Amino acid sequence: MEQSYIARTSGIKAKDKVGYAMGDVASCLVFGLTQSILNKYYTDILQISVLSVMIMTIIARIWDAINDPIWGRLIDRAKPKKGGRYRRWMKIFAIPVALSAVLMFADVRGLSGSGKVAWIYFSYILFGMLYTCINIPYGSLAQVITSSDRERSSLSVFRSIGSTFGAMPAMVLASMCYVKLADGSSQMDYHKVFVGVVAIAALSVLAYFICYAWTKERVETAPEPAEKGQTMKVIKVLLKSRPFMAVSLASMLFLAAQMFGQGYNTYLFDHYFHATGLTMLPTVFQYLPVAVIMFFASRLGNRFGRREVCSYGILLAAIFYLILFVLALVGITSVWLYLTACLMSGIGTAFIFLLVWALATDAIDYNKVAYGLNDEATSYAFYSFMRKLGTTVATILINVPLLRIGYNGSTLNTEGLTESALKSMYNSSVMIPALLFLSVFLLLRFMYPLGRKEIDTLQAEKEKLLQKSGK
């Protein structure tokens, strides 16, 4: 009996899963630097105003709105070569991405205020452009490793595991890059930061090369024709696709919550808890449940629906942050209570963390069936741009509360923060994630239409489409 097309283009091995995970290890090694340490590096070491940092990220996203779709379209039109249609870009851009990450932390303390601002704008936007060049083909790679939705769900879990390991070095650096001052306070040390960044960047190159070597493209895809106005046609389809927009918005807000926590905690643990050595623990505690849930997240998603387990899980996470806020209203706060809530909320966020990429590939499959859209790289470029918007949302959410309390890295060691400012800092640290998580729950539960039954139907329709096209 002849195998179905999906069966012929499936059957991934452990090597494929680990290799695919190494791609996100590499990406999160360098991207984790922007999540965990970059904002505080700008404000405390370079002593750049929080307003300038916010404006920088907004300008970068405006450029990404132009750059990302163009690069996605170029990837869709590029002919497959010896290194594969998507894999080869790992080898081409691994070193440039790593070097651009190091440039963001170059020693420009001797420049004037305007010179430092110009440098961070240049280096941050350059990093974003080069990261796009490797992240879009990497994101599209799952589409050609296997055509099975269950195997893609497994790849999503491995990718998320990879991102966990990739983010850890930056979190460790965020906790260890301080020196004690004579008055007992702590200050970020540039030498420690730079040495750590160089080491992390070097590891990212190695991980990208492993991803290239260990993955295999099983699904043959032809380049899309160079039709005039095709990019805008694709974007119009994506904007009207309910599954795609729902998962894009949900992913954007979830990433914003993650980045907000990692970035804002460097300030919270420095000034509110006075425990810089524990800065990495909130993120570690949120990731700990992943180490257990990763073994059955894919199976639970297949049985009960990926949408269902992700939406109700993140609702649980929101509830724990709301509990922290309520306790703070009656004067109950402590570093260990905060860390306990991080651990408990991590149980809820683990599901979307592990399965979000499968939700995205399901939405891209839906667009193929419903709209005949085969522009995977352009679709992923749009999705990637939405996630980048999440970084901008996070940057704004980090810096607006800092602006409100008058945070100034150049005078902080002599003036300190008032009690009301510290209270406001804590309230922001728990309410902002709670509201973001609630928003993600609403998007997934009531806007994203692909539950378990709908996915089964989608797989059957995709097989009919592929058989009809002569695959």
Protein backbone atom coordinates (compact mmCIF):
# COMPACT_ATOMS: atom_id res chain seq x y z
CA MET A 1 0.00 0.00 0.00
CA GLU A 2 1.36 3.39 -1.02
CA GLN A 3 2.30 5.67 1.85
CA SER A 4 0.65 9.05 2.20
CA TYR A 5 2.72 12.13 1.47
CA ILE A 6 2.78 13.05 5.14
CA ALA A 7 4.08 9.59 6.05
CA ARG A 8 6.80 9.78 3.39
CA THR A 9 8.02 13.14 4.67
CA SER A 10 8.01 12.26 8.34
CA GLY A 11 10.03 9.92 10.58
CA ILE A 12 12.39 12.33 12.31
CA LYS A 13 15.20 10.95 14.45
CA ALA A 14 16.60 12.00 17.82
CA LYS A 15 19.48 13.65 15.96
CA ASP A 16 17.01 15.89 14.08
CA LYS A 17 15.36 16.94 17.34
CA VAL A 18 18.61 17.74 19.12
CA GLY A 19 20.01 19.46 16.04
CA TYR A 20 16.89 21.56 15.67
CA ALA A 21 17.03 22.45 19.38
CA MET A 22 20.62 23.62 18.97
CA GLY A 23 19.39 26.30 16.59
CA ASP A 24 17.43 27.92 19.39
CA VAL A 25 20.27 27.33 21.84
CA ALA A 26 22.37 29.46 19.51
CA SER A 27 19.72 32.13 18.98
CA CYS A 28 18.87 32.45 22.66
CA LEU A 29 22.52 32.63 23.69
CA VAL A 30 22.83 35.99 21.91
CA PHE A 31 19.18 37.09 22.12
CA GLY A 32 19.24 36.33 25.86
CA LEU A 33 21.79 39.12 26.27
CA THR A 34 19.18 41.63 25.11
CA GLN A 35 16.61 40.10 27.48
CA SER A 36 18.64 39.82 30.66
CA ILE A 37 21.32 42.46 30.75
CA LEU A 38 21.31 44.95 27.87
CA ASN A 39 18.82 47.46 29.32
CA LYS A 40 20.69 47.73 32.65
CA TYR A 41 24.00 47.87 30.80
CA TYR A 42 22.73 50.88 28.88
CA THR A 43 21.34 52.72 31.92
CA ASP A 44 23.97 51.85 34.54
CA ILE A 45 27.29 51.44 32.70
CA LEU A 46 26.78 53.71 29.68
CA GLN A 47 24.45 55.96 31.74
CA ILE A 48 22.02 56.45 28.87
CA SER A 49 18.56 57.71 29.75
CA VAL A 50 15.69 55.24 29.80
CA LEU A 51 13.82 57.46 27.33
CA SER A 52 16.64 57.12 24.77
CA VAL A 53 16.54 53.34 25.17
CA MET A 54 12.78 53.25 24.52
CA ILE A 55 13.10 55.45 21.44
CA MET A 56 15.87 53.19 20.13
CA THR A 57 13.72 50.06 20.29
CA ILE A 58 10.80 51.82 18.59
CA ILE A 59 13.06 52.97 15.72
CA ALA A 60 14.46 49.43 15.43
CA ARG A 61 10.96 47.97 15.14
CA ILE A 62 9.98 50.52 12.48
CA TRP A 63 12.97 49.36 10.45
CA ASP A 64 12.11 45.69 11.12
CA ALA A 65 8.64 46.31 9.66
CA ILE A 66 10.45 46.98 6.37
CA ASN A 67 13.42 44.64 6.68
CA ASP A 68 11.76 41.44 7.93
CA PRO A 69 9.18 40.97 5.12
CA ILE A 70 11.82 41.76 2.50
CA TRP A 71 14.19 39.14 3.89
CA GLY A 72 11.38 36.61 4.23
CA ARG A 73 10.45 37.14 0.60
CA LEU A 74 14.09 36.72 -0.48
CA ILE A 75 14.25 33.41 1.40
CA ASP A 76 11.03 32.22 -0.26
CA ARG A 77 12.44 33.05 -3.70
CA ALA A 78 15.94 31.61 -3.10
CA LYS A 79 16.72 28.32 -4.86
CA PRO A 80 17.73 25.35 -2.69
CA LYS A 81 21.47 24.66 -2.71
CA LYS A 82 23.77 21.99 -1.32
CA GLY A 83 23.20 23.12 2.26
CA GLY A 84 19.43 22.94 1.90
CA ARG A 85 16.85 25.65 1.42
CA TYR A 86 16.88 26.88 5.04
CA ARG A 87 19.74 25.08 6.84
CA ARG A 88 22.53 26.76 4.88
CA TRP A 89 21.76 30.19 6.33
CA MET A 90 22.89 28.93 9.76
CA LYS A 91 26.41 28.48 8.45
CA ILE A 92 26.42 31.76 6.50
CA PHE A 93 25.28 34.08 9.28
CA ALA A 94 26.45 32.36 12.50
CA ILE A 95 29.66 34.39 12.85
CA PRO A 96 28.19 37.78 11.75
CA VAL A 97 25.36 37.42 14.32
CA ALA A 98 27.85 36.60 17.10
CA LEU A 99 30.09 39.54 16.21
CA SER A 100 27.15 41.95 16.14
CA ALA A 101 26.15 40.77 19.63
CA VAL A 102 29.64 41.62 20.90
CA LEU A 103 29.50 45.05 19.22
CA MET A 104 26.44 45.97 21.32
CA PHE A 105 28.70 45.76 24.38
CA ALA A 106 31.76 47.48 22.92
CA ASP A 107 33.49 49.90 25.31
CA VAL A 108 32.18 53.31 24.22
CA ARG A 109 32.21 54.88 27.70
CA GLY A 110 34.75 57.46 26.49
CA LEU A 111 32.38 58.87 23.86
CA SER A 112 30.18 61.88 24.40
CA GLY A 113 26.55 61.38 25.42
CA SER A 114 25.33 61.77 21.84
CA GLY A 115 28.14 59.52 20.60
CA LYS A 116 27.12 56.73 22.96
CA VAL A 117 23.48 57.06 21.93
CA ALA A 118 24.45 56.93 18.24
CA TRP A 119 26.54 53.79 18.87
CA ILE A 120 23.84 51.87 20.73
CA TYR A 121 21.32 52.74 18.00
CA PHE A 122 23.69 51.52 15.28
CA SER A 123 24.82 48.33 17.02
CA TYR A 124 21.34 47.35 18.25
CA ILE A 125 19.73 47.79 14.82
CA LEU A 126 22.63 45.94 13.12
CA PHE A 127 22.22 43.02 15.53
CA GLY A 128 18.47 42.95 14.83
CA MET A 129 19.02 42.84 11.07
CA LEU A 130 21.57 40.03 11.20
CA TYR A 131 19.49 38.10 13.73
CA THR A 132 16.58 38.29 11.27
CA CYS A 133 18.80 36.85 8.53
CA ILE A 134 19.33 33.67 10.55
CA ASN A 135 16.12 33.51 12.60
CA ILE A 136 13.65 33.55 9.69
CA PRO A 137 15.17 30.55 7.85
CA TYR A 138 15.59 28.76 11.19
CA GLY A 139 11.93 29.35 12.03
CA SER A 140 10.93 28.04 8.60
CA LEU A 141 13.10 24.93 9.00
CA ALA A 142 10.48 22.98 10.98
CA GLN A 143 8.19 23.09 7.95
CA VAL A 144 10.67 21.06 5.89
CA ILE A 145 12.08 18.73 8.56
CA THR A 146 8.70 16.95 8.76
CA SER A 147 5.13 17.42 7.53
CA SER A 148 3.56 15.60 10.52
CA ASP A 149 1.81 17.87 13.02
CA ARG A 150 2.70 15.48 15.87
CA GLU A 151 6.38 15.48 14.97
CA ARG A 152 6.30 19.26 14.66
CA SER A 153 4.80 19.36 18.13
CA SER A 154 7.81 17.34 19.29
CA LEU A 155 10.15 19.74 17.48
CA SER A 156 8.42 22.64 19.24
CA VAL A 157 9.16 21.03 22.61
CA PHE A 158 12.81 20.48 21.70
CA ARG A 159 13.13 24.02 20.37
CA SER A 160 11.79 25.38 23.64
CA ILE A 161 14.17 23.16 25.61
CA GLY A 162 16.95 24.58 23.46
CA SER A 163 15.85 28.13 24.22
CA THR A 164 15.94 27.33 27.95
CA PHE A 165 19.56 26.18 27.82
CA GLY A 166 20.43 29.05 25.49
CA ALA A 167 19.01 31.70 27.82
CA MET A 168 20.79 30.41 30.94
CA PRO A 169 24.31 31.81 30.31
CA ALA A 170 22.95 35.36 29.99
CA MET A 171 20.97 34.89 33.22
CA VAL A 172 24.10 33.67 35.01
CA LEU A 173 26.01 36.67 33.66
CA ALA A 174 23.26 39.00 34.90
CA SER A 175 23.81 37.66 38.42
CA MET A 176 27.62 37.58 38.38
CA CYS A 177 28.57 40.83 36.66
CA TYR A 178 28.51 42.99 39.82
CA VAL A 179 31.21 44.26 42.16
CA LYS A 180 30.70 45.41 45.75
CA LEU A 181 31.36 49.08 46.53
CA ALA A 182 32.83 50.48 49.72
CA ASP A 183 29.40 51.45 51.04
CA GLY A 184 28.12 47.88 50.63
CA SER A 185 26.06 48.53 47.47
CA SER A 186 26.61 46.73 44.17
CA GLN A 187 27.59 48.06 40.77
CA MET A 188 27.65 46.41 37.35
CA ASP A 189 31.23 45.79 36.21
CA TYR A 190 32.03 46.36 32.53
CA HIS A 191 34.97 43.92 32.33
CA LYS A 192 32.87 41.04 33.66
CA VAL A 193 30.05 41.90 31.28
CA PHE A 194 32.27 42.03 28.19
CA VAL A 195 34.17 38.80 28.90
CA GLY A 196 30.87 37.00 29.47
CA VAL A 197 29.38 38.39 26.26
CA VAL A 198 32.36 37.24 24.16
CA ALA A 199 32.17 33.73 25.62
CA ILE A 200 28.42 33.51 25.02
CA ALA A 201 28.77 34.75 21.44
CA ALA A 202 31.44 32.12 20.71
CA LEU A 203 29.16 29.35 22.04
CA SER A 204 26.36 30.55 19.76
CA VAL A 205 28.53 30.00 16.67
CA LEU A 206 29.23 26.40 17.72
CA ALA A 207 25.53 25.73 18.35
CA TYR A 208 24.49 27.11 14.94
CA PHE A 209 27.01 24.84 13.22
CA ILE A 210 25.66 21.80 15.08
CA CYS A 211 22.13 22.74 14.01
CA TYR A 212 23.31 22.86 10.38
CA ALA A 213 25.10 19.50 10.61
CA TRP A 214 22.43 17.49 12.46
CA THR A 215 19.18 18.48 10.76
CA LYS A 216 17.71 17.13 7.52
CA GLU A 217 15.22 18.76 5.14
CA ARG A 218 12.73 16.01 4.17
CA VAL A 219 9.99 18.13 2.59
CA GLU A 220 10.89 19.42 -0.85
CA THR A 221 9.67 22.95 -1.51
CA ALA A 222 10.12 24.97 -4.67
CA PRO A 223 10.99 28.69 -4.63
CA GLU A 224 7.98 30.97 -4.91
CA PRO A 225 7.72 32.91 -8.21
CA ALA A 226 8.85 36.53 -8.30
CA GLU A 227 5.42 38.08 -8.74
CA LYS A 228 5.00 41.83 -8.43
CA GLY A 229 3.29 42.82 -5.20
CA GLN A 230 3.41 39.27 -3.80
CA THR A 231 4.79 40.38 -0.43
CA MET A 232 1.82 42.67 0.19
CA LYS A 233 -0.58 39.94 -0.98
CA VAL A 234 0.90 37.53 1.55
CA ILE A 235 0.72 40.09 4.35
CA LYS A 236 -2.95 40.82 3.55
CA VAL A 237 -3.72 37.10 3.82
CA LEU A 238 -1.84 36.86 7.12
CA LEU A 239 -3.70 39.85 8.55
CA LYS A 240 -7.08 38.29 7.81
CA SER A 241 -6.06 34.81 9.03
CA ARG A 242 -7.61 34.47 12.47
CA PRO A 243 -5.39 31.59 13.67
CA PHE A 244 -2.21 33.28 12.48
CA MET A 245 -2.99 36.68 13.98
CA ALA A 246 -4.14 35.15 17.27
CA VAL A 247 -0.97 33.11 17.73
CA SER A 248 1.21 36.03 16.58
CA LEU A 249 -0.35 38.42 19.11
CA ALA A 250 -0.27 35.79 21.85
CA SER A 251 3.38 35.00 21.14
CA MET A 252 4.22 38.72 21.11
CA LEU A 253 2.64 39.31 24.52
CA PHE A 254 4.09 36.13 26.03
CA LEU A 255 7.59 37.09 24.89
CA ALA A 256 6.99 40.61 26.25
CA ALA A 257 6.14 39.09 29.64
CA GLN A 258 9.26 36.90 29.58
CA MET A 259 11.55 39.75 28.58
CA PHE A 260 9.96 42.14 31.04
CA GLY A 261 10.60 39.73 33.90
CA GLN A 262 14.21 39.05 32.93
CA GLY A 263 15.00 42.72 32.33
CA TYR A 264 13.05 44.30 35.19
CA ASN A 265 14.28 41.78 37.75
CA THR A 266 17.80 43.17 37.42
CA TYR A 267 16.44 46.41 38.91
CA LEU A 268 14.04 44.75 41.37
CA PHE A 269 16.65 42.46 42.92
CA ASP A 270 19.26 45.22 43.02
CA HIS A 271 17.17 47.96 44.65
CA TYR A 272 14.08 46.37 46.24
CA PHE A 273 15.37 43.02 47.48
CA HIS A 274 19.09 44.04 47.66
CA ALA A 275 19.99 40.58 46.40
CA THR A 276 21.86 40.91 43.10
CA GLY A 277 23.24 37.40 43.53
CA LEU A 278 19.71 36.01 43.21
CA THR A 279 18.84 37.94 40.04
CA MET A 280 18.79 34.84 37.86
CA LEU A 281 16.57 32.80 40.20
CA PRO A 282 13.14 34.12 39.05
CA THR A 283 13.83 32.98 35.50
CA VAL A 284 15.43 29.74 36.68
CA PHE A 285 12.42 29.00 38.90
CA GLN A 286 10.05 29.68 36.01
CA TYR A 287 12.03 27.31 33.79
CA LEU A 288 12.34 24.50 36.36
CA PRO A 289 8.84 23.09 35.66
CA VAL A 290 9.84 22.83 31.99
CA ALA A 291 12.34 20.14 32.98
CA VAL A 292 9.42 17.94 34.06
CA ILE A 293 6.59 19.04 31.78
CA MET A 294 8.72 18.68 28.63
CA PHE A 295 8.38 14.90 28.90
CA PHE A 296 4.60 14.94 28.44
CA ALA A 297 3.68 18.39 27.04
CA SER A 298 3.50 17.10 23.48
CA ARG A 299 1.36 14.11 24.47
CA LEU A 300 -1.02 16.29 26.50
CA GLY A 301 -1.24 18.74 23.62
CA ASN A 302 -2.07 15.98 21.16
CA ARG A 303 -4.69 14.48 23.48
CA PHE A 304 -6.46 17.55 24.85
CA GLY A 305 -5.45 20.14 22.25
CA ARG A 306 -2.44 22.44 22.18
CA ARG A 307 -4.69 25.48 22.39
CA GLU A 308 -6.43 24.16 25.49
CA VAL A 309 -3.38 23.23 27.57
CA CYS A 310 -1.55 26.44 26.64
CA SER A 311 -4.44 28.81 27.39
CA TYR A 312 -5.44 27.36 30.76
CA GLY A 313 -1.83 26.97 31.79
CA ILE A 314 -1.08 30.65 31.26
CA LEU A 315 -4.26 31.59 33.12
CA LEU A 316 -2.81 29.76 36.12
CA ALA A 317 0.38 31.80 35.81
CA ALA A 318 -1.58 35.06 35.80
CA ILE A 319 -3.40 34.05 38.97
CA PHE A 320 -0.17 33.57 40.93
CA TYR A 321 1.08 37.05 39.99
CA LEU A 322 -2.26 38.53 41.00
CA ILE A 323 -1.89 36.80 44.37
CA LEU A 324 1.48 38.53 44.84
CA PHE A 325 -0.13 41.89 44.09
CA VAL A 326 -2.95 41.31 46.60
CA LEU A 327 -0.45 40.26 49.29
CA ALA A 328 1.60 43.40 48.63
CA LEU A 329 -1.49 45.53 49.26
CA VAL A 330 -1.53 44.25 52.85
CA GLY A 331 2.22 44.67 53.25
CA ILE A 332 3.34 41.07 52.66
CA THR A 333 6.37 40.85 50.35
CA SER A 334 9.61 38.88 50.47
CA VAL A 335 12.19 37.63 48.03
CA TRP A 336 11.33 33.97 48.76
CA LEU A 337 7.60 34.56 48.38
CA TYR A 338 8.30 36.20 45.05
CA LEU A 339 10.48 33.29 43.94
CA THR A 340 7.85 30.76 45.04
CA ALA A 341 5.24 32.52 42.90
CA CYS A 342 7.69 32.47 39.98
CA LEU A 343 8.06 28.71 40.38
CA MET A 344 4.30 28.12 40.54
CA SER A 345 3.59 30.40 37.57
CA GLY A 346 6.29 28.52 35.66
CA ILE A 347 4.10 25.41 35.82
CA GLY A 348 1.42 27.31 33.90
CA THR A 349 3.69 29.00 31.36
CA ALA A 350 5.63 25.79 30.63
CA PHE A 351 2.97 24.57 28.20
CA ILE A 352 2.90 27.62 25.95
CA PHE A 353 6.66 27.92 26.26
CA LEU A 354 7.06 24.38 24.95
CA LEU A 355 4.25 24.34 22.37
CA VAL A 356 4.07 27.89 21.00
CA TRP A 357 6.07 26.97 17.89
CA ALA A 358 3.65 24.12 17.15
CA LEU A 359 0.76 26.60 17.44
CA ALA A 360 2.52 28.79 14.88
CA THR A 361 3.16 25.94 12.41
CA ASP A 362 -0.48 24.85 12.78
CA ALA A 363 -1.54 28.37 11.82
CA ILE A 364 0.81 28.34 8.80
CA ASP A 365 -0.66 24.97 7.75
CA TYR A 366 -4.13 26.50 8.08
CA ASN A 367 -3.10 29.29 5.71
CA LYS A 368 -1.93 26.71 3.16
CA VAL A 369 -5.24 24.87 3.24
CA ALA A 370 -7.60 27.85 3.56
CA TYR A 371 -5.81 30.37 1.35
CA GLY A 372 -3.31 28.35 -0.72
CA LEU A 373 -0.43 30.28 0.89
CA ASN A 374 2.93 28.53 0.42
CA ASP A 375 5.23 31.44 1.39
CA GLU A 376 6.56 29.88 4.59
CA ALA A 377 9.53 32.22 5.05
CA THR A 378 7.46 35.35 4.45
CA SER A 379 4.85 34.04 6.90
CA TYR A 380 7.52 33.33 9.47
CA ALA A 381 9.09 36.75 8.84
CA PHE A 382 5.78 38.36 9.80
CA TYR A 383 5.51 36.10 12.85
CA SER A 384 9.10 36.91 13.80
CA PHE A 385 8.37 40.62 13.46
CA MET A 386 5.41 40.27 15.82
CA ARG A 387 7.70 38.59 18.36
CA LYS A 388 10.19 41.42 17.93
CA LEU A 389 7.35 43.80 18.74
CA GLY A 390 7.17 41.87 21.98
CA THR A 391 10.73 42.98 22.75
CA THR A 392 9.68 46.59 22.17
CA VAL A 393 6.63 46.17 24.39
CA ALA A 394 8.90 44.71 27.07
CA THR A 395 11.40 47.56 26.77
CA ILE A 396 8.61 50.12 27.13
CA LEU A 397 7.11 48.25 30.08
CA ILE A 398 10.52 48.11 31.76
CA ASN A 399 11.41 51.74 31.23
CA VAL A 400 8.09 53.52 31.75
CA PRO A 401 7.92 52.44 35.43
CA LEU A 402 11.57 53.48 35.79
CA LEU A 403 10.78 56.87 34.28
CA ARG A 404 7.81 57.23 36.62
CA ILE A 405 9.99 56.76 39.72
CA GLY A 406 12.76 58.99 38.36
CA TYR A 407 15.37 56.25 37.91
CA ASN A 408 18.77 57.66 36.96
CA GLY A 409 21.73 55.29 36.79
CA SER A 410 24.31 58.12 37.05
CA THR A 411 23.07 59.44 40.43
CA LEU A 412 21.60 56.28 41.97
CA ASN A 413 24.60 55.35 44.11
CA THR A 414 24.47 58.69 45.94
CA GLU A 415 20.75 59.41 46.08
CA GLY A 416 19.03 56.00 46.19
CA LEU A 417 15.29 55.40 45.71
CA THR A 418 12.45 56.52 47.97
CA GLU A 419 10.15 54.07 49.74
CA SER A 420 7.25 55.01 47.48
CA ALA A 421 9.45 54.46 44.41
CA LEU A 422 10.46 51.02 45.67
CA LYS A 423 6.83 50.09 46.35
CA SER A 424 5.89 51.20 42.84
CA MET A 425 8.77 49.12 41.44
CA TYR A 426 7.48 45.99 43.17
CA ASN A 427 3.86 46.53 42.11
CA SER A 428 4.96 46.94 38.49
CA SER A 429 6.99 43.72 38.70
CA VAL A 430 3.89 41.62 39.51
CA MET A 431 0.99 43.43 37.83
CA ILE A 432 2.53 43.78 34.38
CA PRO A 433 3.16 40.00 33.94
CA ALA A 434 -0.32 39.26 35.34
CA LEU A 435 -2.02 41.51 32.77
CA LEU A 436 0.11 40.20 29.90
CA PHE A 437 -0.64 36.58 30.80
CA LEU A 438 -4.37 37.31 31.05
CA SER A 439 -4.26 38.86 27.58
CA VAL A 440 -2.54 35.76 26.16
CA PHE A 441 -5.21 33.55 27.75
CA LEU A 442 -8.02 35.54 26.11
CA LEU A 443 -6.32 35.45 22.70
CA LEU A 444 -5.71 31.70 22.72
CA ARG A 445 -9.00 30.65 24.25
CA PHE A 446 -11.37 32.92 22.34
CA MET A 447 -9.58 34.07 19.16
CA TYR A 448 -7.35 31.12 18.16
CA PRO A 449 -9.77 28.61 16.57
CA LEU A 450 -7.53 25.53 16.16
CA GLY A 451 -8.49 23.18 18.97
CA ARG A 452 -7.82 19.43 18.95
CA LYS A 453 -10.69 18.50 16.61
CA GLU A 454 -9.88 21.32 14.21
CA ILE A 455 -6.24 20.19 14.00
CA ASP A 456 -7.29 16.64 13.07
CA THR A 457 -9.49 18.04 10.31
CA LEU A 458 -6.66 20.31 9.17
CA GLN A 459 -4.24 17.40 8.83
CA ALA A 460 -6.73 15.48 6.67
CA GLU A 461 -7.31 18.51 4.45
CA LYS A 462 -3.57 19.09 4.11
CA GLU A 463 -3.05 15.50 2.94
CA LYS A 464 -5.78 15.92 0.29
CA LEU A 465 -4.17 19.16 -0.89
CA LEU A 466 -0.73 17.57 -1.16
CA GLN A 467 -2.10 14.52 -2.99
CA LYS A 468 -3.96 16.78 -5.41
CA SER A 469 -0.80 18.77 -6.13
CA GLY A 470 0.95 15.52 -7.09
CA LYS A 471 3.31 15.32 -4.12
